[in-house]
Amino acid sequence: MQLKNSATTSALVPIKDFARAKSRLRPVLTAEQCAELAACMAADVLCALRNCTGIGQVVCLGEEPLIRAFAAKQGCEFIAERTGTGLSANLDLAARQLQDNGTRTLLIVPVDLPTIQAADIDECLNKHRGGLTICPAERDGGTNALVVSPPTGIGFQFGEQSCAKHIHAAKAAGLEHRVEDAPAFRYDIDIPADLAWLCDASPQGRTGRYLERSGLLEKIRGTSDRPPSAATA
C-alpha cells in the first residue's frame, strides 16, 4: 500500500487479531469479552494518536483482512504483517517502509493503553530530542512507548524486559537515549490485575462504555490491590 510521504513523524501500532487477543485475561473474561475489550482499547488508542498535533500519520500493522478493515474504519493507514515473521521483525520491516516513504521519527505504541490521551503522547514526542526515547511498562520491564529517530535506528526487541534490550540496542548503535517514566504509559492491560486497575481508573471512550455496558465495570471495580494513586496517576 502506498503510504503518505509527507509525514515526518509517524505512529506505528501493531494489532493482533482480536479473536486471539488478551488470552491472559481468560481467567476472568470469556473469549468474546477478550475480543471486544481488545477492539475497544485499540480504537481508543488510535483515537488518541489521531488527535495528536505532533503525528503526521497513524499506521496499523496487522493481519489481512480484519486489521486492514479495522484500520480503515478508524481512519488510519495499514501495513500487512508477514505471517510467521514475528512481531519485532515485522516492526523492523514496517519501520523501513515508513522511513523510505519520508518518516524521520517513529513512535511505536501498543493498543492496550486505553487511558492515554493525545496530550500524553504529544508530551512524550515533545521531550524526544532524537535517538531513542522509551517509556517502560511498570510490571514486566516491557516497552509501552518507543520513539526513535531515524525509524531504523535500532532493531526492535519487544516482549518482557524489552526496555533494557532497547536501551542496549541504542547504545550499540551509538544513539542517544532517554527513559521517560511517564505515568500515562506505565500500565498496559494484559492480566486480571491490570483489568482490575483499569476498572478502578474509570476509563473513558469505547473501553469505558464497553466495561459499563457489559457489567464488567461493576463486577471488577474495587478488586485491585494496587494503591489508589496508581490508578489515577
C-alpha atoms as a PDB file:
ATOM      1  CA  MET A   1       0.000   0.000   0.000  1.00  0.00           C
ATOM      2  CA  GLN A   2       1.281   3.467  -0.863  1.00  0.00           C
ATOM      3  CA  LEU A   3       1.650   5.448   2.345  1.00  0.00           C
ATOM      4  CA  LYS A   4       1.774   9.190   2.714  1.00  0.00           C
ATOM      5  CA  ASN A   5       5.220  10.638   2.076  1.00  0.00           C
ATOM      6  CA  SER A   6       4.583  13.972   3.764  1.00  0.00           C
ATOM      7  CA  ALA A   7       4.570  12.743   7.370  1.00  0.00           C
ATOM      8  CA  THR A   8       7.902  13.273   9.128  1.00  0.00           C
ATOM      9  CA  THR A   9       6.576  11.728  12.376  1.00  0.00           C
ATOM     10  CA  SER A  10       4.531   8.555  12.125  1.00  0.00           C
ATOM     11  CA  ALA A  11       2.874   6.360  14.734  1.00  0.00           C
ATOM     12  CA  LEU A  12       3.061   2.602  14.174  1.00  0.00           C
ATOM     13  CA  VAL A  13       0.569   0.450  16.073  1.00  0.00           C
ATOM     14  CA  PRO A  14       0.814  -3.363  15.971  1.00  0.00           C
ATOM     15  CA  ILE A  15      -2.616  -5.004  16.328  1.00  0.00           C
ATOM     16  CA  LYS A  16      -3.223  -8.708  16.895  1.00  0.00           C
ATOM     17  CA  ASP A  17      -6.300 -10.452  15.505  1.00  0.00           C
ATOM     18  CA  PHE A  18      -8.895  -9.635  18.160  1.00  0.00           C
ATOM     19  CA  ALA A  19     -10.094 -13.255  18.308  1.00  0.00           C
ATOM     20  CA  ARG A  20      -6.644 -14.219  19.634  1.00  0.00           C
ATOM     21  CA  ALA A  21      -6.008 -11.150  21.767  1.00  0.00           C
ATOM     22  CA  LYS A  22      -5.783 -10.873  25.550  1.00  0.00           C
ATOM     23  CA  SER A  23      -5.740 -14.626  26.235  1.00  0.00           C
ATOM     24  CA  ARG A  24      -4.186 -13.990  29.668  1.00  0.00           C
ATOM     25  CA  LEU A  25      -7.471 -12.362  30.716  1.00  0.00           C
ATOM     26  CA  ARG A  26      -9.345 -15.655  30.169  1.00  0.00           C
ATOM     27  CA  PRO A  27      -9.451 -16.432  33.923  1.00  0.00           C
ATOM     28  CA  VAL A  28     -11.919 -13.529  34.340  1.00  0.00           C
ATOM     29  CA  LEU A  29     -13.294 -12.923  30.813  1.00  0.00           C
ATOM     30  CA  THR A  30     -14.819 -15.087  28.123  1.00  0.00           C
ATOM     31  CA  ALA A  31     -13.162 -15.315  24.711  1.00  0.00           C
ATOM     32  CA  GLU A  32     -15.809 -12.991  23.294  1.00  0.00           C
ATOM     33  CA  GLN A  33     -15.242 -10.454  26.070  1.00  0.00           C
ATOM     34  CA  CYS A  34     -11.479 -10.550  25.463  1.00  0.00           C
ATOM     35  CA  ALA A  35     -12.016  -9.843  21.762  1.00  0.00           C
ATOM     36  CA  GLU A  36     -14.448  -6.990  22.373  1.00  0.00           C
ATOM     37  CA  LEU A  37     -12.250  -5.406  25.031  1.00  0.00           C
ATOM     38  CA  ALA A  38      -9.214  -5.627  22.742  1.00  0.00           C
ATOM     39  CA  ALA A  39     -11.094  -3.923  19.898  1.00  0.00           C
ATOM     40  CA  CYS A  40     -12.354  -1.150  22.171  1.00  0.00           C
ATOM     41  CA  MET A  41      -8.893  -0.486  23.633  1.00  0.00           C
ATOM     42  CA  ALA A  42      -7.399  -0.391  20.147  1.00  0.00           C
ATOM     43  CA  ALA A  43      -9.996   2.122  18.988  1.00  0.00           C
ATOM     44  CA  ASP A  44      -9.281   4.369  21.976  1.00  0.00           C
ATOM     45  CA  VAL A  45      -5.510   4.295  21.426  1.00  0.00           C
ATOM     46  CA  LEU A  46      -5.907   5.077  17.716  1.00  0.00           C
ATOM     47  CA  CYS A  47      -8.286   7.938  18.534  1.00  0.00           C
ATOM     48  CA  ALA A  48      -5.715   9.443  20.914  1.00  0.00           C
ATOM     49  CA  LEU A  49      -2.993   9.123  18.274  1.00  0.00           C
ATOM     50  CA  ARG A  50      -5.115  10.715  15.556  1.00  0.00           C
ATOM     51  CA  ASN A  51      -5.737  13.696  17.822  1.00  0.00           C
ATOM     52  CA  CYS A  52      -2.033  14.339  18.435  1.00  0.00           C
ATOM     53  CA  THR A  53      -0.639  17.531  16.979  1.00  0.00           C
ATOM     54  CA  GLY A  54       2.815  16.024  16.508  1.00  0.00           C
ATOM     55  CA  ILE A  55       1.871  12.985  14.418  1.00  0.00           C
ATOM     56  CA  GLY A  56       1.522  13.141  10.656  1.00  0.00           C
ATOM     57  CA  GLN A  57       0.047   9.685  10.139  1.00  0.00           C
ATOM     58  CA  VAL A  58      -1.115   6.691  12.167  1.00  0.00           C
ATOM     59  CA  VAL A  59      -0.338   3.277  10.698  1.00  0.00           C
ATOM     60  CA  CYS A  60      -1.713  -0.065  11.884  1.00  0.00           C
ATOM     61  CA  LEU A  61       0.378  -3.206  11.454  1.00  0.00           C
ATOM     62  CA  GLY A  62      -1.558  -6.470  11.373  1.00  0.00           C
ATOM     63  CA  GLU A  63      -3.084  -9.361   9.508  1.00  0.00           C
ATOM     64  CA  GLU A  64      -5.242  -9.200   6.439  1.00  0.00           C
ATOM     65  CA  PRO A  65      -8.164  -8.672   6.086  1.00  0.00           C
ATOM     66  CA  LEU A  66      -9.522  -7.941   9.570  1.00  0.00           C
ATOM     67  CA  ILE A  67      -6.986  -5.380  10.737  1.00  0.00           C
ATOM     68  CA  ARG A  68      -6.937  -3.619   7.373  1.00  0.00           C
ATOM     69  CA  ALA A  69     -10.714  -3.132   7.646  1.00  0.00           C
ATOM     70  CA  PHE A  70     -10.405  -2.009  11.274  1.00  0.00           C
ATOM     71  CA  ALA A  71      -7.671   0.491  10.386  1.00  0.00           C
ATOM     72  CA  ALA A  72      -9.751   1.937   7.550  1.00  0.00           C
ATOM     73  CA  LYS A  73     -12.741   2.319   9.866  1.00  0.00           C
ATOM     74  CA  GLN A  74     -10.556   4.227  12.327  1.00  0.00           C
ATOM     75  CA  GLY A  75      -9.163   6.500   9.609  1.00  0.00           C
ATOM     76  CA  CYS A  76      -5.667   5.013   9.751  1.00  0.00           C
ATOM     77  CA  GLU A  77      -3.161   3.662   7.242  1.00  0.00           C
ATOM     78  CA  PHE A  78      -2.287  -0.031   7.138  1.00  0.00           C
ATOM     79  CA  ILE A  79       0.755  -2.259   6.611  1.00  0.00           C
ATOM     80  CA  ALA A  80       0.204  -6.001   6.288  1.00  0.00           C
ATOM     81  CA  GLU A  81       2.404  -8.115   8.528  1.00  0.00           C
ATOM     82  CA  ARG A  82       4.275 -11.107   7.150  1.00  0.00           C
ATOM     83  CA  THR A  83       2.948 -14.389   8.533  1.00  0.00           C
ATOM     84  CA  GLY A  84       5.436 -16.323  10.644  1.00  0.00           C
ATOM     85  CA  THR A  85       7.863 -13.420  10.856  1.00  0.00           C
ATOM     86  CA  GLY A  86       7.263 -12.381  14.479  1.00  0.00           C
ATOM     87  CA  LEU A  87       6.312  -9.038  15.997  1.00  0.00           C
ATOM     88  CA  SER A  88       9.728  -7.405  16.258  1.00  0.00           C
ATOM     89  CA  ALA A  89      10.805  -8.461  12.764  1.00  0.00           C
ATOM     90  CA  ASN A  90       7.522  -7.181  11.330  1.00  0.00           C
ATOM     91  CA  LEU A  91       8.073  -3.866  13.108  1.00  0.00           C
ATOM     92  CA  ASP A  92      11.573  -3.685  11.621  1.00  0.00           C
ATOM     93  CA  LEU A  93      10.147  -4.193   8.132  1.00  0.00           C
ATOM     94  CA  ALA A  94       7.393  -1.618   8.673  1.00  0.00           C
ATOM     95  CA  ALA A  95       9.886   0.907  10.048  1.00  0.00           C
ATOM     96  CA  ARG A  96      11.989   0.504   6.892  1.00  0.00           C
ATOM     97  CA  GLN A  97       8.925   1.046   4.680  1.00  0.00           C
ATOM     98  CA  LEU A  98       7.895   4.150   6.591  1.00  0.00           C
ATOM     99  CA  GLN A  99      11.413   5.569   6.520  1.00  0.00           C
ATOM    100  CA  ASP A 100      11.574   5.003   2.764  1.00  0.00           C
ATOM    101  CA  ASN A 101       8.301   6.963   2.496  1.00  0.00           C
ATOM    102  CA  GLY A 102       9.639  10.003   4.338  1.00  0.00           C
ATOM    103  CA  THR A 103       9.163   9.276   8.045  1.00  0.00           C
ATOM    104  CA  ARG A 104      12.024  10.692  10.100  1.00  0.00           C
ATOM    105  CA  THR A 105      10.726   9.933  13.598  1.00  0.00           C
ATOM    106  CA  LEU A 106       8.768   6.819  14.504  1.00  0.00           C
ATOM    107  CA  LEU A 107       6.525   6.295  17.531  1.00  0.00           C
ATOM    108  CA  ILE A 108       5.512   2.737  18.398  1.00  0.00           C
ATOM    109  CA  VAL A 109       2.637   2.318  20.847  1.00  0.00           C
ATOM    110  CA  PRO A 110       0.761  -0.858  21.859  1.00  0.00           C
ATOM    111  CA  VAL A 111      -3.036  -0.974  21.700  1.00  0.00           C
ATOM    112  CA  ASP A 112      -3.637  -1.906  25.330  1.00  0.00           C
ATOM    113  CA  LEU A 113      -3.088   1.548  26.869  1.00  0.00           C
ATOM    114  CA  PRO A 114      -6.737   2.685  26.853  1.00  0.00           C
ATOM    115  CA  THR A 115      -6.291   5.531  29.359  1.00  0.00           C
ATOM    116  CA  ILE A 116      -3.706   7.508  27.352  1.00  0.00           C
ATOM    117  CA  GLN A 117      -4.751  10.845  25.917  1.00  0.00           C
ATOM    118  CA  ALA A 118      -3.440  12.835  22.965  1.00  0.00           C
ATOM    119  CA  ALA A 119      -1.773  15.269  25.375  1.00  0.00           C
ATOM    120  CA  ASP A 120       0.221  12.407  26.954  1.00  0.00           C
ATOM    121  CA  ILE A 121       1.531  11.340  23.559  1.00  0.00           C
ATOM    122  CA  ASP A 122       2.337  14.893  22.458  1.00  0.00           C
ATOM    123  CA  GLU A 123       4.273  15.410  25.703  1.00  0.00           C
ATOM    124  CA  CYS A 124       6.308  12.284  25.014  1.00  0.00           C
ATOM    125  CA  LEU A 125       7.076  13.463  21.487  1.00  0.00           C
ATOM    126  CA  ASN A 126       7.957  16.964  22.686  1.00  0.00           C
ATOM    127  CA  LYS A 127      10.575  15.503  25.056  1.00  0.00           C
ATOM    128  CA  HIS A 128      12.169  13.498  22.254  1.00  0.00           C
ATOM    129  CA  ARG A 129      15.439  15.015  21.086  1.00  0.00           C
ATOM    130  CA  GLY A 130      16.478  12.407  18.566  1.00  0.00           C
ATOM    131  CA  GLY A 131      17.909   8.974  19.143  1.00  0.00           C
ATOM    132  CA  LEU A 132      15.707   6.833  21.393  1.00  0.00           C
ATOM    133  CA  THR A 133      13.045   7.855  23.905  1.00  0.00           C
ATOM    134  CA  ILE A 134      11.379   4.998  25.753  1.00  0.00           C
ATOM    135  CA  CYS A 135       8.536   4.669  28.269  1.00  0.00           C
ATOM    136  CA  PRO A 136       8.826   1.459  30.326  1.00  0.00           C
ATOM    137  CA  ALA A 137       5.992  -0.754  31.491  1.00  0.00           C
ATOM    138  CA  GLU A 138       5.562  -0.929  35.250  1.00  0.00           C
ATOM    139  CA  ARG A 139       5.115  -4.677  35.623  1.00  0.00           C
ATOM    140  CA  ASP A 140       7.485  -6.627  33.374  1.00  0.00           C
ATOM    141  CA  GLY A 141      10.111  -4.186  32.160  1.00  0.00           C
ATOM    142  CA  GLY A 142       8.444  -4.082  28.758  1.00  0.00           C
ATOM    143  CA  THR A 143       8.139  -1.124  26.404  1.00  0.00           C
ATOM    144  CA  ASN A 144       4.888   0.856  26.398  1.00  0.00           C
ATOM    145  CA  ALA A 145       6.063   3.614  24.066  1.00  0.00           C
ATOM    146  CA  LEU A 146       9.142   3.975  21.931  1.00  0.00           C
ATOM    147  CA  VAL A 147      10.213   6.970  19.857  1.00  0.00           C
ATOM    148  CA  VAL A 148      13.205   6.542  17.583  1.00  0.00           C
ATOM    149  CA  SER A 149      14.953   8.783  15.051  1.00  0.00           C
ATOM    150  CA  PRO A 150      15.672   7.519  12.461  1.00  0.00           C
ATOM    151  CA  PRO A 151      12.954   4.833  12.354  1.00  0.00           C
ATOM    152  CA  THR A 152      15.506   2.100  11.584  1.00  0.00           C
ATOM    153  CA  GLY A 153      17.968   3.330  14.211  1.00  0.00           C
ATOM    154  CA  ILE A 154      17.650   0.111  16.222  1.00  0.00           C
ATOM    155  CA  GLY A 155      16.284  -3.386  15.774  1.00  0.00           C
ATOM    156  CA  PHE A 156      13.160  -3.856  17.858  1.00  0.00           C
ATOM    157  CA  GLN A 157      13.014  -6.438  20.647  1.00  0.00           C
ATOM    158  CA  PHE A 158       9.518  -6.246  22.115  1.00  0.00           C
ATOM    159  CA  GLY A 159       8.489  -8.525  24.974  1.00  0.00           C
ATOM    160  CA  GLU A 160       9.372  -8.858  28.648  1.00  0.00           C
ATOM    161  CA  GLN A 161      12.379  -6.765  29.721  1.00  0.00           C
ATOM    162  CA  SER A 162      12.402  -5.143  26.282  1.00  0.00           C
ATOM    163  CA  CYS A 163      13.049  -1.706  27.756  1.00  0.00           C
ATOM    164  CA  ALA A 164      16.570  -2.736  28.812  1.00  0.00           C
ATOM    165  CA  LYS A 165      17.103  -4.518  25.483  1.00  0.00           C
ATOM    166  CA  HIS A 166      16.092  -1.422  23.515  1.00  0.00           C
ATOM    167  CA  ILE A 167      18.436   0.756  25.583  1.00  0.00           C
ATOM    168  CA  HIS A 168      21.274  -1.694  24.938  1.00  0.00           C
ATOM    169  CA  ALA A 169      20.480  -1.611  21.211  1.00  0.00           C
ATOM    170  CA  ALA A 170      20.575   2.207  21.227  1.00  0.00           C
ATOM    171  CA  LYS A 171      23.961   2.219  22.945  1.00  0.00           C
ATOM    172  CA  ALA A 172      25.298  -0.328  20.463  1.00  0.00           C
ATOM    173  CA  ALA A 173      24.073   1.845  17.586  1.00  0.00           C
ATOM    174  CA  GLY A 174      25.593   4.991  19.066  1.00  0.00           C
ATOM    175  CA  LEU A 175      22.197   6.635  19.606  1.00  0.00           C
ATOM    176  CA  GLU A 176      21.404   8.966  22.472  1.00  0.00           C
ATOM    177  CA  HIS A 177      18.693   7.504  24.684  1.00  0.00           C
ATOM    178  CA  ARG A 178      16.432   8.615  27.500  1.00  0.00           C
ATOM    179  CA  VAL A 179      13.904   6.850  29.696  1.00  0.00           C
ATOM    180  CA  GLU A 180      10.658   8.694  30.415  1.00  0.00           C
ATOM    181  CA  ASP A 181       8.796   7.129  33.338  1.00  0.00           C
ATOM    182  CA  ALA A 182       5.521   8.667  32.219  1.00  0.00           C
ATOM    183  CA  PRO A 183       2.519   7.694  34.390  1.00  0.00           C
ATOM    184  CA  ALA A 184       0.184   7.511  31.387  1.00  0.00           C
ATOM    185  CA  PHE A 185       2.325   4.766  29.828  1.00  0.00           C
ATOM    186  CA  ARG A 186       3.025   2.595  32.884  1.00  0.00           C
ATOM    187  CA  TYR A 187       0.110   0.188  32.784  1.00  0.00           C
ATOM    188  CA  ASP A 188      -0.838  -1.946  29.804  1.00  0.00           C
ATOM    189  CA  ILE A 189      -3.748  -4.369  30.154  1.00  0.00           C
ATOM    190  CA  ASP A 190      -2.577  -7.975  29.973  1.00  0.00           C
ATOM    191  CA  ILE A 191      -3.553  -9.879  33.130  1.00  0.00           C
ATOM    192  CA  PRO A 192      -6.519  -9.790  35.537  1.00  0.00           C
ATOM    193  CA  ALA A 193      -4.695  -7.438  37.935  1.00  0.00           C
ATOM    194  CA  ASP A 194      -4.300  -4.942  35.079  1.00  0.00           C
ATOM    195  CA  LEU A 195      -8.000  -5.157  34.284  1.00  0.00           C
ATOM    196  CA  ALA A 196      -8.865  -4.522  37.940  1.00  0.00           C
ATOM    197  CA  TRP A 197      -6.647  -1.440  37.901  1.00  0.00           C
ATOM    198  CA  LEU A 198      -8.308  -0.271  34.692  1.00  0.00           C
ATOM    199  CA  CYS A 199     -11.785  -0.561  36.184  1.00  0.00           C
ATOM    200  CA  ASP A 200     -10.677   1.453  39.225  1.00  0.00           C
ATOM    201  CA  ALA A 201      -9.274   4.097  36.868  1.00  0.00           C
ATOM    202  CA  SER A 202     -12.788   4.658  35.420  1.00  0.00           C
ATOM    203  CA  PRO A 203     -11.689   4.679  31.753  1.00  0.00           C
ATOM    204  CA  GLN A 204     -13.471   6.818  29.201  1.00  0.00           C
ATOM    205  CA  GLY A 205     -14.060   6.244  25.492  1.00  0.00           C
ATOM    206  CA  ARG A 206     -15.164   2.983  23.935  1.00  0.00           C
ATOM    207  CA  THR A 207     -13.355   0.931  26.573  1.00  0.00           C
ATOM    208  CA  GLY A 208     -15.184   2.584  29.443  1.00  0.00           C
ATOM    209  CA  ARG A 209     -18.533   2.311  27.698  1.00  0.00           C
ATOM    210  CA  TYR A 210     -17.984  -1.385  26.973  1.00  0.00           C
ATOM    211  CA  LEU A 211     -16.942  -2.193  30.541  1.00  0.00           C
ATOM    212  CA  GLU A 212     -20.005  -0.415  31.882  1.00  0.00           C
ATOM    213  CA  ARG A 213     -22.424  -1.861  29.314  1.00  0.00           C
ATOM    214  CA  SER A 214     -21.182  -5.413  29.840  1.00  0.00           C
ATOM    215  CA  GLY A 215     -21.412  -5.212  33.624  1.00  0.00           C
ATOM    216  CA  LEU A 216     -17.689  -5.878  33.978  1.00  0.00           C
ATOM    217  CA  LEU A 217     -17.001  -2.460  35.494  1.00  0.00           C
ATOM    218  CA  GLU A 218     -19.363  -3.086  38.418  1.00  0.00           C
ATOM    219  CA  LYS A 219     -18.159  -6.675  38.799  1.00  0.00           C
ATOM    220  CA  ILE A 220     -14.423  -5.962  38.814  1.00  0.00           C
ATOM    221  CA  ARG A 221     -14.134  -2.456  40.267  1.00  0.00           C
ATOM    222  CA  GLY A 222     -12.638  -2.402  43.749  1.00  0.00           C
ATOM    223  CA  THR A 223     -10.703  -5.661  43.399  1.00  0.00           C
ATOM    224  CA  SER A 224      -7.328  -4.126  42.521  1.00  0.00           C
ATOM    225  CA  ASP A 225      -4.516  -4.486  45.035  1.00  0.00           C
ATOM    226  CA  ARG A 226      -2.633  -1.537  43.555  1.00  0.00           C
ATOM    227  CA  PRO A 227      -2.619   1.681  45.567  1.00  0.00           C
ATOM    228  CA  PRO A 228      -5.379   4.154  44.553  1.00  0.00           C
ATOM    229  CA  SER A 229      -2.792   6.702  43.447  1.00  0.00           C
ATOM    230  CA  ALA A 230      -1.560   4.309  40.747  1.00  0.00           C
ATOM    231  CA  ALA A 231      -4.954   4.170  39.097  1.00  0.00           C
ATOM    232  CA  THR A 232      -5.316   7.922  38.913  1.00  0.00           C
ATOM    233  CA  ALA A 233      -1.733   8.879  38.086  1.00  0.00           C
END
